[in-house]
Amino acid sequence: MTISITTQDDYERLPGLYHAWDFAMLLEEGCSYLIEEGGRAEDGQALFLVFQRPRKRGEAGND
């Protein structure tokens, strides 16, 4: 198995901030993701920034 190191520059930010339960609607097959803390909503729930990019040929899960 080959593991490639990527930089955040390879990813595009999805607009908005997301709750953890939103991830099921966001994630697509054939893409890689970075998820970072984005603060808290008024009710105290954690919010996240989501960055996405298509997997490159030869990366794990994209043979």
Foldseek 3Di string as FASTA:
>chain_A
DDADDDDLVQWDWDPDKAAPVCVVVVDDQQKDKDKDWDQADPVGGTIIIIIIHGDDPPHPRHD
